[in-house]
Structure formats: structure tokens, C-alpha cells
Amino acid sequence: MNRFIFRCVVFAAMLACVASCSGGRGVNIEIPSVIYFTDAGLKTVLLDGNDAADRQIMLNLYKGGYNDGTVTVYVGLSEYVLDRWNEENGTMYKLLEQQYWEILTPKVSLSGENWTGQVCIGLHTAEILSDLDLDDGYVLPVSITGLEHGEANADKCFVLLYLSME
């Protein structure tokens, strides 16, 4: 009889564990991919005063997570990021105007086989050097502006390209 009671107690405990572990949720839940710039934060871009050729800056994106689905990342300018940076760091960086740059790859797709990607930013170096005084602190705030099927890491979703002379 004691053996029967012992088996019933063990069986009931196992059922309780199984019921509490599943909690009515599906076992195959999807964990969203997290996207971020590997070189997030402030990045200095050194310009040579003798070089009049346009310059291309490559920024690296990374897809972390446990799923193999494709994530489409949209990248653009974010004045909010610049304002937030200036406020949090006590800086007075200025926004680099649209005529001096372009985003050559505004959309990047990342997947299970392709976990990394690059965003290409084109700088019009000759115009920048002839029109601007780089000592004024010009910055291009590039940010993840949209995602399909993923989430952006809030601390690493932007890069501030700070222009400086060599």
C-alpha cells in the first residue's frame, strides 16, 4: 500500500511539473531577431584636405537571435538621435545637411545564412571641404529607421559619423 501511495505522489508531482512548465503556451515560440550596428555610437571620419573624391563609409549591421527568418532593415537619418546624443553627452554637434551626403544602401536584408550586412554612406568630400568648417562639429546621425520581422537594440541602433580633418 505504501508503494502505491508513493507512486501516486510521484506521478502527481510529475503532472504538476509538466502543467506548470507549459502554462498553456505553445512550445515553439519565436524569439525575434535583434538588429544592431557593430560600430554603434560616435565614429570619427577623417577627411584629407587634398582629396576631392567622394568618400564611401561602410557601416556593419548584425542580426542576432535564434531564428532563420529574413529581416529587412531600413536605414536613414535621425535628427532625434543627434538631439539625444547632444543632450546626454553635453555636446553641440551640428547636423550635416543633405546636400553633402547620401545613403547608398538604405535597405539591407539579413537572414539565417547572412547574419551581417553593410550600409554604405556616400560623402561628397569636395563640397564638404569647400563649404564647411569642420571645427564646427558636423555629424551625420545614421539610424535604423524601420524593420520587418525583428527588433532594434536601443543602445546600438545608431552611428554618429563625426567629420574631422586628418
Protein backbone atom coordinates (compact mmCIF):
# COMPACT_ATOMS: atom_id res chain seq x y z
CA MET A 1 0.00 0.00 0.00
CA ASN A 2 2.83 2.38 0.85
CA ARG A 3 4.40 1.71 -2.51
CA PHE A 4 1.11 2.56 -4.26
CA ILE A 5 0.80 5.86 -2.37
CA PHE A 6 4.44 6.71 -3.12
CA ARG A 7 3.89 6.10 -6.86
CA CYS A 8 0.72 8.23 -6.85
CA VAL A 9 2.56 11.10 -5.15
CA VAL A 10 5.47 10.92 -7.64
CA PHE A 11 3.05 10.74 -10.58
CA ALA A 12 1.07 13.74 -9.29
CA ALA A 13 4.28 15.73 -8.83
CA MET A 14 5.36 14.94 -12.40
CA LEU A 15 1.98 16.06 -13.73
CA ALA A 16 2.24 19.30 -11.76
CA CYS A 17 5.69 19.97 -13.22
CA VAL A 18 4.54 19.33 -16.78
CA ALA A 19 1.46 21.54 -16.33
CA SER A 20 3.43 24.41 -14.79
CA CYS A 21 6.17 24.27 -17.42
CA SER A 22 3.86 24.63 -20.41
CA GLY A 23 1.46 27.09 -18.77
CA GLY A 24 -0.90 26.75 -21.72
CA ARG A 25 1.62 28.35 -24.09
CA GLY A 26 2.93 26.82 -27.25
CA VAL A 27 6.31 25.17 -27.09
CA ASN A 28 7.56 26.63 -30.39
CA ILE A 29 7.55 30.33 -29.57
CA GLU A 30 9.52 32.59 -31.87
CA ILE A 31 12.21 34.80 -30.39
CA PRO A 32 12.55 37.93 -32.54
CA SER A 33 15.86 38.78 -34.14
CA VAL A 34 17.76 41.72 -32.64
CA ILE A 35 19.47 44.03 -35.11
CA TYR A 36 22.27 46.47 -34.33
CA PHE A 37 25.27 48.33 -35.71
CA THR A 38 28.53 46.68 -34.66
CA ASP A 39 30.24 50.09 -34.72
CA ALA A 40 27.44 51.94 -32.89
CA GLY A 41 27.99 55.26 -31.19
CA LEU A 42 30.34 58.04 -32.24
CA LYS A 43 32.65 57.19 -35.13
CA THR A 44 35.24 59.67 -36.41
CA VAL A 45 35.63 60.02 -40.18
CA LEU A 46 38.94 61.61 -41.10
CA LEU A 47 38.92 63.67 -44.29
CA ASP A 48 42.06 64.56 -46.19
CA GLY A 49 42.17 68.20 -47.30
CA ASN A 50 43.89 67.21 -50.57
CA ASP A 51 41.37 64.55 -51.56
CA ALA A 52 38.45 65.85 -53.60
CA ALA A 53 37.00 62.43 -54.45
CA ASP A 54 33.73 61.32 -52.89
CA ARG A 55 34.20 59.01 -49.92
CA GLN A 56 32.26 55.88 -49.03
CA ILE A 57 31.80 54.85 -45.40
CA MET A 58 30.76 51.27 -44.64
CA LEU A 59 28.70 50.59 -41.51
CA ASN A 60 28.21 47.00 -40.33
CA LEU A 61 24.84 45.58 -39.27
CA TYR A 62 24.43 42.35 -37.31
CA LYS A 63 21.39 40.09 -36.82
CA GLY A 64 21.31 38.21 -33.53
CA GLY A 65 18.70 35.69 -32.44
CA TYR A 66 17.63 32.10 -32.73
CA ASN A 67 15.56 32.12 -35.90
CA ASP A 68 16.49 31.81 -39.55
CA GLY A 69 13.85 34.20 -40.89
CA THR A 70 14.75 37.12 -43.11
CA VAL A 71 14.83 40.59 -41.58
CA THR A 72 14.71 43.70 -43.74
CA VAL A 73 16.46 46.70 -42.17
CA TYR A 74 15.80 50.28 -43.29
CA VAL A 75 18.43 52.91 -42.51
CA GLY A 76 18.13 56.69 -42.60
CA LEU A 77 18.94 59.99 -40.96
CA SER A 78 17.68 60.63 -37.43
CA GLU A 79 17.73 64.15 -36.00
CA TYR A 80 16.27 62.68 -32.80
CA VAL A 81 19.42 60.60 -32.29
CA LEU A 82 21.60 63.70 -32.69
CA ASP A 83 19.46 65.71 -30.24
CA ARG A 84 19.53 62.87 -27.70
CA TRP A 85 23.31 62.44 -28.05
CA ASN A 86 23.94 66.17 -27.59
CA GLU A 87 21.71 66.26 -24.52
CA GLU A 88 23.16 63.14 -22.86
CA ASN A 89 26.82 63.95 -23.61
CA GLY A 90 26.85 67.74 -23.28
CA THR A 91 27.97 68.23 -26.88
CA MET A 92 26.85 70.72 -29.52
CA TYR A 93 27.27 68.70 -32.71
CA LYS A 94 25.57 70.06 -35.82
CA LEU A 95 23.61 68.11 -38.40
CA LEU A 96 25.40 67.61 -41.73
CA GLU A 97 23.00 68.86 -44.37
CA GLN A 98 21.51 66.54 -47.03
CA GLN A 99 23.48 68.07 -49.92
CA TYR A 100 26.75 66.69 -48.51
CA TRP A 101 25.85 63.01 -48.19
CA GLU A 102 23.65 60.17 -49.41
CA ILE A 103 22.75 56.71 -48.15
CA LEU A 104 23.72 54.37 -50.98
CA THR A 105 22.18 51.26 -49.37
CA PRO A 106 19.06 52.37 -47.46
CA LYS A 107 17.75 48.79 -47.21
CA VAL A 108 19.60 45.63 -46.15
CA SER A 109 18.24 42.08 -45.85
CA LEU A 110 19.67 39.74 -43.21
CA SER A 111 18.82 36.05 -42.90
CA GLY A 112 19.89 32.81 -41.25
CA GLU A 113 22.72 32.35 -43.74
CA ASN A 114 23.55 36.07 -43.96
CA TRP A 115 23.75 37.39 -40.38
CA THR A 116 25.74 40.51 -41.28
CA GLY A 117 25.29 43.27 -43.80
CA GLN A 118 26.71 46.64 -44.69
CA VAL A 119 25.22 50.07 -45.14
CA CYS A 120 27.14 52.36 -47.48
CA ILE A 121 27.15 56.12 -46.86
CA GLY A 122 28.48 58.42 -49.57
CA LEU A 123 30.13 61.68 -48.53
CA HIS A 124 30.62 64.48 -51.08
CA THR A 125 34.10 65.35 -49.85
CA ALA A 126 34.89 68.25 -52.21
CA GLU A 127 31.71 70.12 -51.27
CA ILE A 128 32.21 69.44 -47.56
CA LEU A 129 35.78 70.75 -47.62
CA SER A 130 34.96 73.85 -49.66
CA ASP A 131 31.74 74.86 -47.86
CA LEU A 132 32.16 73.84 -44.20
CA ASP A 133 34.49 74.50 -41.33
CA LEU A 134 34.86 71.03 -39.79
CA ASP A 135 35.90 72.57 -36.47
CA ASP A 136 32.19 73.42 -36.03
CA GLY A 137 31.44 69.77 -35.20
CA TYR A 138 29.40 68.37 -38.08
CA VAL A 139 27.83 64.95 -37.59
CA LEU A 140 25.76 62.61 -39.73
CA PRO A 141 23.41 60.59 -37.45
CA VAL A 142 22.60 57.31 -39.21
CA SER A 143 19.95 55.15 -37.56
CA ILE A 144 17.83 52.06 -38.07
CA THR A 145 14.56 53.70 -39.11
CA GLY A 146 12.48 50.60 -39.79
CA LEU A 147 12.45 46.81 -39.55
CA GLU A 148 10.43 43.96 -40.97
CA HIS A 149 10.37 40.93 -38.63
CA GLY A 150 12.81 41.98 -35.94
CA GLU A 151 13.70 44.41 -33.18
CA ALA A 152 16.43 47.03 -32.94
CA ASN A 153 18.81 47.10 -29.99
CA ALA A 154 18.01 50.52 -28.50
CA ASP A 155 21.60 51.17 -27.40
CA LYS A 156 23.19 50.14 -30.70
CA CYS A 157 20.69 51.25 -33.35
CA PHE A 158 22.63 54.32 -34.49
CA VAL A 159 26.03 55.59 -35.60
CA LEU A 160 27.10 59.23 -35.44
CA LEU A 161 29.64 59.95 -38.17
CA TYR A 162 31.77 62.81 -36.85
CA LEU A 163 33.70 64.60 -39.60
CA SER A 164 37.24 65.74 -38.86
CA MET A 165 40.37 66.74 -40.75
CA GLU A 166 43.42 64.49 -40.79
